Amino acid sequence: AGGALAGPGGGGRGGRAGDGCAVTEAAVACLAVDPAILLLVVGVLTFLITFCGCVGSLRENICLLQLFSVCLTIIFLLQLAAGVLGFVFSDKARGKVSEIINGAIVHYRDDLDLQNLIDFGQKEFSCCGGVSYKDWSQNMYFNCTATNPSRERCSVPFSCCLHDTSQVSAGVASGTLSCHPGDQSRSVLGWPQGTLS
């Protein structure tokens, strides 16, 4: 299982080695939301921990079994602490999620993987931007100023838009599109609560 996660993660990251992220704050934003890095780290850790458990039980090696047990206990305690801290500091968590989303919005067109991740989040959670659609004015392509030459000026990505089939006539939409009114940071943080209740 660890190799199955680490393989695509390493391949995905290796395939994009010179791609997208420069040595700036954009690099940190790219690494923070890069699914290949997440898959690679989780895969390697899963492989190492399960290897200790498997070899320890086959060889009846007490040292490896104790290491396996300690690792599982640490993982459980970290998950428990993350859940409690997320609940206790939900306002700070919401602020941090909004900060990450706004940073990703600024670099929306810089990295295709980041763009696909934002589009998926906006479609999945039926929202637009970190707090509102106005967050897209932070992006240089969607910024609504007279000096912006982009054809996407004063608009939002298509993933923000509602798909309303009642307004479509012979494949042509009527004039304007409606946008999701939702708050992505609230939707992302509310998702675990909705699945648990």
N, C-alpha and C. Protein backbone atom coordinates (compact mmCIF):
# COMPACT_ATOMS: atom_id res chain seq x y z
N ALA A 1 0.83 -1.19 0.00
CA ALA A 1 0.00 0.00 0.00
C ALA A 1 0.87 1.25 0.00
N GLY A 2 1.96 1.22 0.75
CA GLY A 2 2.85 2.37 0.79
C GLY A 2 3.52 2.61 -0.55
N GLY A 3 3.94 1.52 -1.21
CA GLY A 3 4.55 1.65 -2.53
C GLY A 3 3.55 2.13 -3.56
N ALA A 4 2.29 1.70 -3.41
CA ALA A 4 1.24 2.13 -4.34
C ALA A 4 0.98 3.62 -4.22
N LEU A 5 1.18 4.19 -3.04
CA LEU A 5 1.01 5.63 -2.85
C LEU A 5 2.27 6.40 -3.23
N ALA A 6 3.43 5.86 -2.85
CA ALA A 6 4.69 6.57 -3.10
C ALA A 6 5.07 6.58 -4.57
N GLY A 7 4.76 5.50 -5.30
CA GLY A 7 5.12 5.42 -6.72
C GLY A 7 4.53 6.55 -7.55
N PRO A 8 3.19 6.70 -7.57
CA PRO A 8 2.63 7.81 -8.34
C PRO A 8 3.03 9.17 -7.79
N GLY A 9 3.22 9.27 -6.48
CA GLY A 9 3.64 10.55 -5.90
C GLY A 9 5.02 10.94 -6.37
N GLY A 10 5.96 9.99 -6.34
CA GLY A 10 7.32 10.27 -6.80
C GLY A 10 7.36 10.52 -8.30
N GLY A 11 6.60 9.73 -9.05
CA GLY A 11 6.55 9.92 -10.50
C GLY A 11 5.93 11.25 -10.87
N GLY A 12 4.87 11.61 -10.17
CA GLY A 12 4.20 12.89 -10.43
C GLY A 12 5.08 14.06 -10.08
N ARG A 13 5.81 13.96 -9.00
CA ARG A 13 6.69 15.05 -8.60
C ARG A 13 7.93 15.11 -9.49
N GLY A 14 8.48 13.95 -9.81
CA GLY A 14 9.67 13.91 -10.67
C GLY A 14 9.38 14.41 -12.07
N GLY A 15 8.19 14.14 -12.57
CA GLY A 15 7.81 14.58 -13.90
C GLY A 15 7.66 16.08 -14.00
N ARG A 16 7.48 16.76 -12.88
CA ARG A 16 7.29 18.21 -12.90
C ARG A 16 8.45 18.93 -12.24
N ALA A 17 9.63 18.31 -12.17
CA ALA A 17 10.74 18.88 -11.41
C ALA A 17 11.08 20.32 -11.79
N GLY A 18 11.13 20.66 -13.06
CA GLY A 18 11.48 22.02 -13.43
C GLY A 18 10.27 22.85 -13.79
N ASP A 19 9.13 22.48 -13.30
CA ASP A 19 7.85 23.00 -13.76
C ASP A 19 7.24 23.95 -12.74
N GLY A 20 6.61 24.99 -13.18
CA GLY A 20 5.69 25.76 -12.37
C GLY A 20 6.26 26.63 -11.28
N CYS A 21 6.84 26.07 -10.25
CA CYS A 21 7.16 26.83 -9.05
C CYS A 21 8.57 27.41 -9.11
N ALA A 22 8.68 28.70 -8.90
CA ALA A 22 9.98 29.36 -8.83
C ALA A 22 10.42 29.39 -7.38
N VAL A 23 11.62 29.90 -7.12
CA VAL A 23 12.14 29.95 -5.76
C VAL A 23 11.64 31.23 -5.11
N THR A 24 10.36 31.24 -4.77
CA THR A 24 9.73 32.40 -4.13
C THR A 24 8.67 31.87 -3.19
N GLU A 25 7.83 32.78 -2.75
CA GLU A 25 6.71 32.35 -1.91
C GLU A 25 5.75 31.47 -2.69
N ALA A 26 5.76 31.58 -4.03
CA ALA A 26 4.92 30.72 -4.86
C ALA A 26 5.35 29.26 -4.72
N ALA A 27 6.65 29.03 -4.53
CA ALA A 27 7.14 27.66 -4.36
C ALA A 27 6.56 27.05 -3.10
N VAL A 28 6.49 27.81 -2.03
CA VAL A 28 5.92 27.31 -0.78
C VAL A 28 4.43 27.03 -0.98
N ALA A 29 3.72 27.92 -1.67
CA ALA A 29 2.30 27.70 -1.93
C ALA A 29 2.10 26.47 -2.79
N CYS A 30 2.98 26.27 -3.78
CA CYS A 30 2.86 25.10 -4.65
C CYS A 30 3.12 23.81 -3.87
N LEU A 31 4.14 23.82 -3.02
CA LEU A 31 4.45 22.62 -2.25
C LEU A 31 3.37 22.32 -1.22
N ALA A 32 2.73 23.35 -0.70
CA ALA A 32 1.71 23.15 0.32
C ALA A 32 0.49 22.45 -0.25
N VAL A 33 0.20 22.62 -1.52
CA VAL A 33 -0.99 22.01 -2.10
C VAL A 33 -0.65 20.98 -3.17
N ASP A 34 0.62 20.57 -3.25
CA ASP A 34 1.03 19.62 -4.28
C ASP A 34 0.64 18.20 -3.85
N PRO A 35 -0.32 17.59 -4.53
CA PRO A 35 -0.76 16.25 -4.15
C PRO A 35 0.33 15.20 -4.33
N ALA A 36 1.28 15.41 -5.25
CA ALA A 36 2.35 14.44 -5.46
C ALA A 36 3.24 14.35 -4.22
N ILE A 37 3.54 15.48 -3.60
CA ILE A 37 4.37 15.47 -2.38
C ILE A 37 3.62 14.77 -1.25
N LEU A 38 2.33 15.06 -1.12
CA LEU A 38 1.53 14.42 -0.08
C LEU A 38 1.51 12.90 -0.28
N LEU A 39 1.27 12.45 -1.51
CA LEU A 39 1.26 11.01 -1.80
C LEU A 39 2.62 10.39 -1.51
N LEU A 40 3.68 11.07 -1.87
CA LEU A 40 5.02 10.55 -1.66
C LEU A 40 5.33 10.39 -0.17
N VAL A 41 5.05 11.41 0.62
CA VAL A 41 5.33 11.36 2.06
C VAL A 41 4.48 10.29 2.75
N VAL A 42 3.18 10.29 2.47
CA VAL A 42 2.30 9.30 3.09
C VAL A 42 2.69 7.89 2.66
N GLY A 43 3.03 7.71 1.39
CA GLY A 43 3.42 6.40 0.89
C GLY A 43 4.68 5.87 1.53
N VAL A 44 5.70 6.71 1.64
CA VAL A 44 6.96 6.28 2.25
C VAL A 44 6.76 5.96 3.73
N LEU A 45 6.03 6.81 4.45
CA LEU A 45 5.77 6.53 5.87
C LEU A 45 4.97 5.24 6.05
N THR A 46 3.95 5.05 5.22
CA THR A 46 3.14 3.83 5.31
C THR A 46 4.00 2.61 5.04
N PHE A 47 4.85 2.68 4.02
CA PHE A 47 5.72 1.55 3.69
C PHE A 47 6.66 1.23 4.85
N LEU A 48 7.31 2.24 5.41
CA LEU A 48 8.27 1.99 6.50
C LEU A 48 7.59 1.41 7.74
N ILE A 49 6.45 1.95 8.09
CA ILE A 49 5.76 1.47 9.29
C ILE A 49 5.25 0.05 9.09
N THR A 50 4.63 -0.22 7.95
CA THR A 50 4.12 -1.57 7.71
C THR A 50 5.25 -2.57 7.52
N PHE A 51 6.38 -2.13 6.98
CA PHE A 51 7.54 -3.00 6.85
C PHE A 51 8.03 -3.44 8.23
N CYS A 52 8.10 -2.49 9.16
CA CYS A 52 8.51 -2.83 10.53
C CYS A 52 7.54 -3.83 11.16
N GLY A 53 6.25 -3.61 10.96
CA GLY A 53 5.26 -4.52 11.53
C GLY A 53 5.31 -5.90 10.90
N CYS A 54 5.46 -5.96 9.58
CA CYS A 54 5.48 -7.24 8.88
C CYS A 54 6.73 -8.05 9.21
N VAL A 55 7.89 -7.44 9.08
CA VAL A 55 9.14 -8.14 9.36
C VAL A 55 9.23 -8.48 10.85
N GLY A 56 8.76 -7.56 11.69
CA GLY A 56 8.79 -7.83 13.12
C GLY A 56 7.94 -9.02 13.51
N SER A 57 6.78 -9.18 12.89
CA SER A 57 5.93 -10.32 13.23
C SER A 57 6.44 -11.61 12.60
N LEU A 58 6.99 -11.56 11.38
CA LEU A 58 7.52 -12.77 10.75
C LEU A 58 8.77 -13.28 11.46
N ARG A 59 9.64 -12.38 11.85
CA ARG A 59 10.89 -12.76 12.51
C ARG A 59 10.76 -12.79 14.03
N GLU A 60 9.59 -12.45 14.52
CA GLU A 60 9.34 -12.36 15.96
C GLU A 60 10.39 -11.46 16.63
N ASN A 61 10.63 -10.34 15.98
CA ASN A 61 11.61 -9.37 16.45
C ASN A 61 10.87 -8.35 17.33
N ILE A 62 11.13 -8.40 18.61
CA ILE A 62 10.45 -7.54 19.57
C ILE A 62 10.75 -6.07 19.31
N CYS A 63 11.97 -5.76 18.92
CA CYS A 63 12.36 -4.37 18.67
C CYS A 63 11.53 -3.76 17.54
N LEU A 64 11.38 -4.47 16.42
CA LEU A 64 10.59 -3.96 15.30
C LEU A 64 9.11 -3.88 15.66
N LEU A 65 8.61 -4.85 16.42
CA LEU A 65 7.21 -4.81 16.83
C LEU A 65 6.94 -3.64 17.77
N GLN A 66 7.89 -3.35 18.66
CA GLN A 66 7.73 -2.20 19.54
C GLN A 66 7.78 -0.90 18.75
N LEU A 67 8.68 -0.82 17.76
CA LEU A 67 8.74 0.36 16.90
C LEU A 67 7.42 0.54 16.14
N PHE A 68 6.87 -0.55 15.62
CA PHE A 68 5.59 -0.53 14.92
C PHE A 68 4.48 -0.03 15.85
N SER A 69 4.46 -0.56 17.07
CA SER A 69 3.45 -0.17 18.05
C SER A 69 3.58 1.31 18.43
N VAL A 70 4.80 1.76 18.64
CA VAL A 70 5.03 3.17 19.00
C VAL A 70 4.60 4.08 17.85
N CYS A 71 4.94 3.71 16.61
CA CYS A 71 4.55 4.52 15.45
C CYS A 71 3.04 4.62 15.33
N LEU A 72 2.33 3.50 15.50
CA LEU A 72 0.87 3.54 15.43
C LEU A 72 0.28 4.38 16.55
N THR A 73 0.86 4.30 17.74
CA THR A 73 0.38 5.11 18.85
C THR A 73 0.60 6.60 18.58
N ILE A 74 1.77 6.94 18.04
CA ILE A 74 2.06 8.34 17.72
C ILE A 74 1.10 8.86 16.65
N ILE A 75 0.85 8.06 15.62
CA ILE A 75 -0.08 8.47 14.56
C ILE A 75 -1.47 8.69 15.12
N PHE A 76 -1.91 7.78 15.99
CA PHE A 76 -3.23 7.92 16.60
C PHE A 76 -3.31 9.19 17.44
N LEU A 77 -2.28 9.44 18.25
CA LEU A 77 -2.28 10.63 19.11
C LEU A 77 -2.22 11.91 18.28
N LEU A 78 -1.46 11.91 17.18
CA LEU A 78 -1.41 13.08 16.31
C LEU A 78 -2.77 13.35 15.66
N GLN A 79 -3.45 12.30 15.22
CA GLN A 79 -4.79 12.48 14.65
C GLN A 79 -5.77 12.99 15.69
N LEU A 80 -5.68 12.46 16.89
CA LEU A 80 -6.55 12.91 17.97
C LEU A 80 -6.28 14.37 18.31
N ALA A 81 -5.00 14.73 18.41
CA ALA A 81 -4.63 16.12 18.71
C ALA A 81 -5.07 17.06 17.59
N ALA A 82 -4.91 16.64 16.34
CA ALA A 82 -5.33 17.49 15.21
C ALA A 82 -6.84 17.72 15.25
N GLY A 83 -7.60 16.68 15.58
CA GLY A 83 -9.05 16.83 15.67
C GLY A 83 -9.46 17.77 16.80
N VAL A 84 -8.85 17.61 17.96
CA VAL A 84 -9.18 18.47 19.11
C VAL A 84 -8.75 19.91 18.84
N LEU A 85 -7.53 20.10 18.33
CA LEU A 85 -7.05 21.45 18.04
C LEU A 85 -7.87 22.11 16.94
N GLY A 86 -8.26 21.33 15.94
CA GLY A 86 -9.12 21.87 14.88
C GLY A 86 -10.46 22.32 15.41
N PHE A 87 -10.98 21.61 16.40
CA PHE A 87 -12.26 21.98 17.00
C PHE A 87 -12.10 23.20 17.90
N VAL A 88 -11.07 23.19 18.75
CA VAL A 88 -10.86 24.27 19.70
C VAL A 88 -10.48 25.58 19.00
N PHE A 89 -9.61 25.49 18.01
CA PHE A 89 -9.15 26.68 17.30
C PHE A 89 -9.77 26.77 15.91
N SER A 90 -11.07 26.56 15.84
CA SER A 90 -11.73 26.54 14.53
C SER A 90 -11.65 27.90 13.83
N ASP A 91 -11.67 29.00 14.59
CA ASP A 91 -11.55 30.32 13.96
C ASP A 91 -10.17 30.52 13.33
N LYS A 92 -9.13 30.10 14.06
CA LYS A 92 -7.78 30.21 13.51
C LYS A 92 -7.61 29.26 12.33
N ALA A 93 -8.21 28.08 12.43
CA ALA A 93 -8.15 27.14 11.31
C ALA A 93 -8.83 27.72 10.09
N ARG A 94 -9.97 28.37 10.29
CA ARG A 94 -10.69 29.00 9.17
C ARG A 94 -9.83 30.11 8.56
N GLY A 95 -9.16 30.89 9.41
CA GLY A 95 -8.28 31.95 8.91
C GLY A 95 -7.11 31.39 8.12
N LYS A 96 -6.52 30.30 8.60
CA LYS A 96 -5.39 29.68 7.90
C LYS A 96 -5.84 29.09 6.57
N VAL A 97 -7.00 28.43 6.56
CA VAL A 97 -7.52 27.88 5.30
C VAL A 97 -7.80 29.01 4.32
N SER A 98 -8.38 30.11 4.80
CA SER A 98 -8.64 31.27 3.92
C SER A 98 -7.34 31.84 3.38
N GLU A 99 -6.31 31.90 4.22
CA GLU A 99 -5.00 32.41 3.79
C GLU A 99 -4.40 31.51 2.70
N ILE A 100 -4.50 30.20 2.88
CA ILE A 100 -3.97 29.26 1.89
C ILE A 100 -4.76 29.37 0.59
N ILE A 101 -6.09 29.46 0.69
CA ILE A 101 -6.92 29.57 -0.51
C ILE A 101 -6.64 30.87 -1.24
N ASN A 102 -6.51 31.97 -0.51
CA ASN A 102 -6.21 33.26 -1.16
C ASN A 102 -4.83 33.25 -1.82
N GLY A 103 -3.86 32.60 -1.18
CA GLY A 103 -2.54 32.46 -1.80
C GLY A 103 -2.60 31.63 -3.07
N ALA A 104 -3.45 30.60 -3.05
CA ALA A 104 -3.61 29.78 -4.24
C ALA A 104 -4.34 30.54 -5.34
N ILE A 105 -5.28 31.39 -4.96
CA ILE A 105 -6.02 32.20 -5.95
C ILE A 105 -5.06 33.13 -6.68
N VAL A 106 -4.11 33.72 -5.96
CA VAL A 106 -3.15 34.63 -6.58
C VAL A 106 -2.34 33.91 -7.67
N HIS A 107 -2.02 32.64 -7.44
CA HIS A 107 -1.19 31.87 -8.38
C HIS A 107 -2.03 30.89 -9.20
N TYR A 108 -3.29 31.19 -9.43
CA TYR A 108 -4.24 30.29 -10.09
C TYR A 108 -3.77 29.85 -11.47
N ARG A 109 -3.32 30.75 -12.30
CA ARG A 109 -2.91 30.41 -13.67
C ARG A 109 -1.44 29.99 -13.77
N ASP A 110 -0.68 30.06 -12.68
CA ASP A 110 0.75 29.75 -12.71
C ASP A 110 1.03 28.26 -12.79
N ASP A 111 0.16 27.44 -12.22
CA ASP A 111 0.40 26.00 -12.13
C ASP A 111 -0.89 25.27 -12.46
N LEU A 112 -0.83 24.37 -13.44
CA LEU A 112 -2.04 23.67 -13.89
C LEU A 112 -2.61 22.77 -12.79
N ASP A 113 -1.74 22.13 -12.00
CA ASP A 113 -2.23 21.28 -10.91
C ASP A 113 -2.97 22.10 -9.86
N LEU A 114 -2.42 23.25 -9.52
CA LEU A 114 -3.07 24.15 -8.56
C LEU A 114 -4.40 24.63 -9.11
N GLN A 115 -4.43 24.97 -10.38
CA GLN A 115 -5.67 25.42 -11.03
C GLN A 115 -6.72 24.31 -10.98
N ASN A 116 -6.33 23.08 -11.29
CA ASN A 116 -7.28 21.96 -11.24
C ASN A 116 -7.77 21.70 -9.83
N LEU A 117 -6.89 21.86 -8.84
CA LEU A 117 -7.29 21.66 -7.44
C LEU A 117 -8.31 22.71 -7.01
N ILE A 118 -8.08 23.97 -7.36
CA ILE A 118 -9.03 25.04 -7.01
C ILE A 118 -10.36 24.81 -7.72
N ASP A 119 -10.30 24.47 -9.01
CA ASP A 119 -11.53 24.22 -9.76
C ASP A 119 -12.32 23.06 -9.15
N PHE A 120 -11.62 21.99 -8.77
CA PHE A 120 -12.29 20.85 -8.14
C PHE A 120 -12.95 21.28 -6.83
N GLY A 121 -12.22 22.05 -6.00
CA GLY A 121 -12.77 22.49 -4.72
C GLY A 121 -14.00 23.37 -4.89
N GLN A 122 -13.96 24.28 -5.85
CA GLN A 122 -15.10 25.17 -6.06
C GLN A 122 -16.31 24.42 -6.59
N LYS A 123 -16.09 23.43 -7.44
CA LYS A 123 -17.21 22.63 -7.95
C LYS A 123 -17.75 21.71 -6.85
N GLU A 124 -16.84 21.05 -6.14
CA GLU A 124 -17.24 20.08 -5.11
C GLU A 124 -17.99 20.73 -3.96
N PHE A 125 -17.52 21.89 -3.51
CA PHE A 125 -18.12 22.56 -2.37
C PHE A 125 -19.10 23.66 -2.77
N SER A 126 -19.37 23.81 -4.06
CA SER A 126 -20.32 24.81 -4.58
C SER A 126 -20.03 26.19 -4.01
N CYS A 127 -18.83 26.68 -4.27
CA CYS A 127 -18.43 27.97 -3.74
C CYS A 127 -17.57 28.70 -4.77
N CYS A 128 -17.24 29.93 -4.43
CA CYS A 128 -16.44 30.75 -5.35
C CYS A 128 -15.50 31.63 -4.53
N GLY A 129 -14.20 31.36 -4.61
CA GLY A 129 -13.22 32.14 -3.86
C GLY A 129 -13.07 31.64 -2.44
N GLY A 130 -12.19 32.31 -1.69
CA GLY A 130 -11.97 31.92 -0.30
C GLY A 130 -13.12 32.31 0.58
N VAL A 131 -13.55 33.57 0.50
CA VAL A 131 -14.68 34.07 1.29
C VAL A 131 -15.83 34.45 0.37
N SER A 132 -15.51 35.09 -0.76
CA SER A 132 -16.54 35.43 -1.74
C SER A 132 -15.90 35.52 -3.12
N TYR A 133 -16.72 35.74 -4.12
CA TYR A 133 -16.21 35.85 -5.48
C TYR A 133 -15.26 37.04 -5.64
N LYS A 134 -15.34 38.01 -4.73
CA LYS A 134 -14.48 39.19 -4.81
C LYS A 134 -13.01 38.86 -4.56
N ASP A 135 -12.73 37.69 -3.97
CA ASP A 135 -11.35 37.27 -3.75
C ASP A 135 -10.59 37.11 -5.06
N TRP A 136 -11.31 36.88 -6.14
CA TRP A 136 -10.65 36.69 -7.43
C TRP A 136 -10.03 37.97 -7.97
N SER A 137 -10.35 39.12 -7.37
CA SER A 137 -9.72 40.36 -7.81
C SER A 137 -8.24 40.40 -7.41
N GLN A 138 -7.80 39.49 -6.53
CA GLN A 138 -6.39 39.40 -6.15
C GLN A 138 -5.54 38.79 -7.26
N ASN A 139 -6.18 38.04 -8.16
CA ASN A 139 -5.46 37.41 -9.26
C ASN A 139 -5.28 38.40 -10.39
N MET A 140 -4.09 38.44 -10.97
CA MET A 140 -3.80 39.45 -11.99
C MET A 140 -4.62 39.28 -13.26
N TYR A 141 -5.12 38.08 -13.53
CA TYR A 141 -5.93 37.87 -14.73
C TYR A 141 -7.39 38.28 -14.52
N PHE A 142 -7.88 38.15 -13.29
CA PHE A 142 -9.29 38.44 -13.00
C PHE A 142 -9.48 39.80 -12.32
N ASN A 143 -8.39 40.50 -12.05
CA ASN A 143 -8.43 41.80 -11.38
C ASN A 143 -9.27 42.78 -12.19
N CYS A 144 -10.18 43.47 -11.51
CA CYS A 144 -11.12 44.36 -12.19
C CYS A 144 -10.63 45.81 -12.15
N THR A 145 -9.55 46.07 -12.88
CA THR A 145 -9.05 47.45 -13.00
C THR A 145 -9.00 47.81 -14.47
N ALA A 146 -9.04 49.09 -14.74
CA ALA A 146 -9.03 49.56 -16.13
C ALA A 146 -7.71 49.25 -16.83
N THR A 147 -6.63 49.11 -16.07
CA THR A 147 -5.31 48.85 -16.67
C THR A 147 -5.07 47.37 -16.96
N ASN A 148 -5.97 46.50 -16.55
CA ASN A 148 -5.80 45.07 -16.77
C ASN A 148 -6.21 44.72 -18.20
N PRO A 149 -5.26 44.24 -19.03
CA PRO A 149 -5.60 43.94 -20.42
C PRO A 149 -6.20 42.55 -20.63
N SER A 150 -6.30 41.74 -19.58
CA SER A 150 -6.78 40.37 -19.71
C SER A 150 -8.24 40.32 -20.16
N ARG A 151 -8.56 39.35 -20.98
CA ARG A 151 -9.96 39.19 -21.40
C ARG A 151 -10.81 38.60 -20.28
N GLU A 152 -10.17 38.11 -19.22
CA GLU A 152 -10.89 37.58 -18.06
C GLU A 152 -11.10 38.63 -16.98
N ARG A 153 -10.76 39.87 -17.29
CA ARG A 153 -10.88 40.97 -16.33
C ARG A 153 -12.32 41.06 -15.82
N CYS A 154 -12.48 41.31 -14.53
CA CYS A 154 -13.79 41.48 -13.88
C CYS A 154 -14.65 40.22 -13.97
N SER A 155 -14.02 39.06 -14.01
CA SER A 155 -14.79 37.82 -14.04
C SER A 155 -14.21 36.84 -13.02
N VAL A 156 -14.70 35.63 -13.04
CA VAL A 156 -14.24 34.56 -12.16
C VAL A 156 -14.03 33.32 -13.01
N PRO A 157 -13.30 32.32 -12.52
CA PRO A 157 -13.13 31.08 -13.29
C PRO A 157 -14.48 30.39 -13.52
N PHE A 158 -14.53 29.59 -14.56
CA PHE A 158 -15.77 28.91 -14.90
C PHE A 158 -16.22 27.96 -13.79
N SER A 159 -15.28 27.45 -12.97
CA SER A 159 -15.66 26.54 -11.89
C SER A 159 -16.50 27.22 -10.82
N CYS A 160 -16.51 28.55 -10.81
CA CYS A 160 -17.37 29.30 -9.88
C CYS A 160 -18.82 29.31 -10.33
N CYS A 161 -19.05 29.07 -11.60
CA CYS A 161 -20.37 29.28 -12.17
C CYS A 161 -21.30 28.10 -11.92
N LEU A 162 -22.57 28.42 -11.74
CA LEU A 162 -23.60 27.40 -11.58
C LEU A 162 -23.98 26.87 -12.96
N HIS A 163 -24.21 25.58 -13.04
CA HIS A 163 -24.64 24.99 -14.30
C HIS A 163 -26.16 24.92 -14.29
N ASP A 164 -26.78 25.87 -14.93
CA ASP A 164 -28.24 25.97 -14.93
C ASP A 164 -28.74 25.62 -16.32
N THR A 165 -29.31 24.42 -16.46
CA THR A 165 -29.77 23.97 -17.77
C THR A 165 -31.05 24.66 -18.21
N SER A 166 -31.75 25.33 -17.30
CA SER A 166 -32.99 26.01 -17.69
C SER A 166 -32.70 27.26 -18.52
N GLN A 167 -31.46 27.80 -18.43
CA GLN A 167 -31.11 29.00 -19.17
C GLN A 167 -30.46 28.68 -20.52
N VAL A 168 -30.30 27.41 -20.83
CA VAL A 168 -29.63 27.04 -22.06
C VAL A 168 -30.67 26.76 -23.13
N SER A 169 -30.51 27.41 -24.26
CA SER A 169 -31.43 27.23 -25.38
C SER A 169 -30.60 26.96 -26.62
N ALA A 170 -30.74 25.79 -27.17
CA ALA A 170 -29.99 25.38 -28.37
C ALA A 170 -28.49 25.51 -28.16
N GLY A 171 -28.02 25.22 -26.93
CA GLY A 171 -26.59 25.23 -26.64
C GLY A 171 -26.00 26.60 -26.37
N VAL A 172 -26.80 27.65 -26.29
CA VAL A 172 -26.30 28.99 -26.04
C VAL A 172 -26.89 29.51 -24.74
N ALA A 173 -26.02 29.96 -23.82
CA ALA A 173 -26.51 30.49 -22.54
C ALA A 173 -26.99 31.92 -22.75
N SER A 174 -27.93 32.32 -21.94
CA SER A 174 -28.47 33.68 -22.08
C SER A 174 -27.64 34.67 -21.27
N GLY A 175 -26.85 35.47 -21.94
CA GLY A 175 -26.16 36.61 -21.36
C GLY A 175 -25.20 36.37 -20.23
N THR A 176 -25.69 36.20 -19.00
CA THR A 176 -24.82 36.12 -17.84
C THR A 176 -24.94 34.75 -17.18
N LEU A 177 -23.93 34.43 -16.40
CA LEU A 177 -23.92 33.18 -15.64
C LEU A 177 -24.01 33.50 -14.16
N SER A 178 -24.67 32.65 -13.41
CA SER A 178 -24.74 32.82 -11.96
C SER A 178 -23.53 32.15 -11.33
N CYS A 179 -23.09 32.68 -10.20
CA CYS A 179 -21.94 32.12 -9.50
C CYS A 179 -22.38 31.52 -8.18
N HIS A 180 -21.56 30.56 -7.71
CA HIS A 180 -21.79 29.98 -6.39
C HIS A 180 -21.61 31.08 -5.35
N PRO A 181 -22.56 31.25 -4.44
CA PRO A 181 -22.42 32.30 -3.44
C PRO A 181 -21.58 31.86 -2.25
N GLY A 182 -21.22 30.57 -2.17
CA GLY A 182 -20.62 30.01 -0.97
C GLY A 182 -19.21 30.46 -0.67
N ASP A 183 -18.80 30.15 0.55
CA ASP A 183 -17.50 30.48 1.13
C ASP A 183 -16.69 29.20 1.15
N GLN A 184 -15.60 29.10 0.37
CA GLN A 184 -14.85 27.86 0.26
C GLN A 184 -14.20 27.48 1.58
N SER A 185 -13.66 28.43 2.32
CA SER A 185 -13.01 28.08 3.58
C SER A 185 -14.02 27.51 4.56
N ARG A 186 -15.23 28.06 4.59
CA ARG A 186 -16.27 27.54 5.47
C ARG A 186 -16.72 26.16 4.99
N SER A 187 -16.80 25.97 3.68
CA SER A 187 -17.21 24.68 3.12
C SER A 187 -16.18 23.61 3.40
N VAL A 188 -14.89 23.94 3.24
CA VAL A 188 -13.83 22.98 3.48
C VAL A 188 -13.79 22.57 4.94
N LEU A 189 -13.93 23.54 5.84
CA LEU A 189 -13.90 23.22 7.27
C LEU A 189 -15.19 22.57 7.74
N GLY A 190 -16.30 22.84 7.07
CA GLY A 190 -17.57 22.24 7.46
C GLY A 190 -17.75 20.84 6.93
N TRP A 191 -16.94 20.42 5.95
CA TRP A 191 -17.07 19.11 5.35
C TRP A 191 -16.90 17.98 6.37
N PRO A 192 -15.86 17.99 7.24
CA PRO A 192 -15.74 16.91 8.22
C PRO A 192 -16.93 16.86 9.18
N GLN A 193 -17.44 18.03 9.58
CA GLN A 193 -18.58 18.05 10.50
C GLN A 193 -19.81 17.46 9.83
N GLY A 194 -20.00 17.74 8.55
CA GLY A 194 -21.15 17.20 7.81
C GLY A 194 -21.07 15.70 7.63
N THR A 195 -19.86 15.16 7.47
CA THR A 195 -19.71 13.73 7.28
C THR A 195 -19.82 12.97 8.60
N LEU A 196 -19.52 13.63 9.71
CA LEU A 196 -19.59 12.96 11.00
C LEU A 196 -20.99 12.98 11.60
N SER A 197 -21.81 13.95 11.21
CA SER A 197 -23.14 14.04 11.83
C SER A 197 -24.17 13.26 11.06
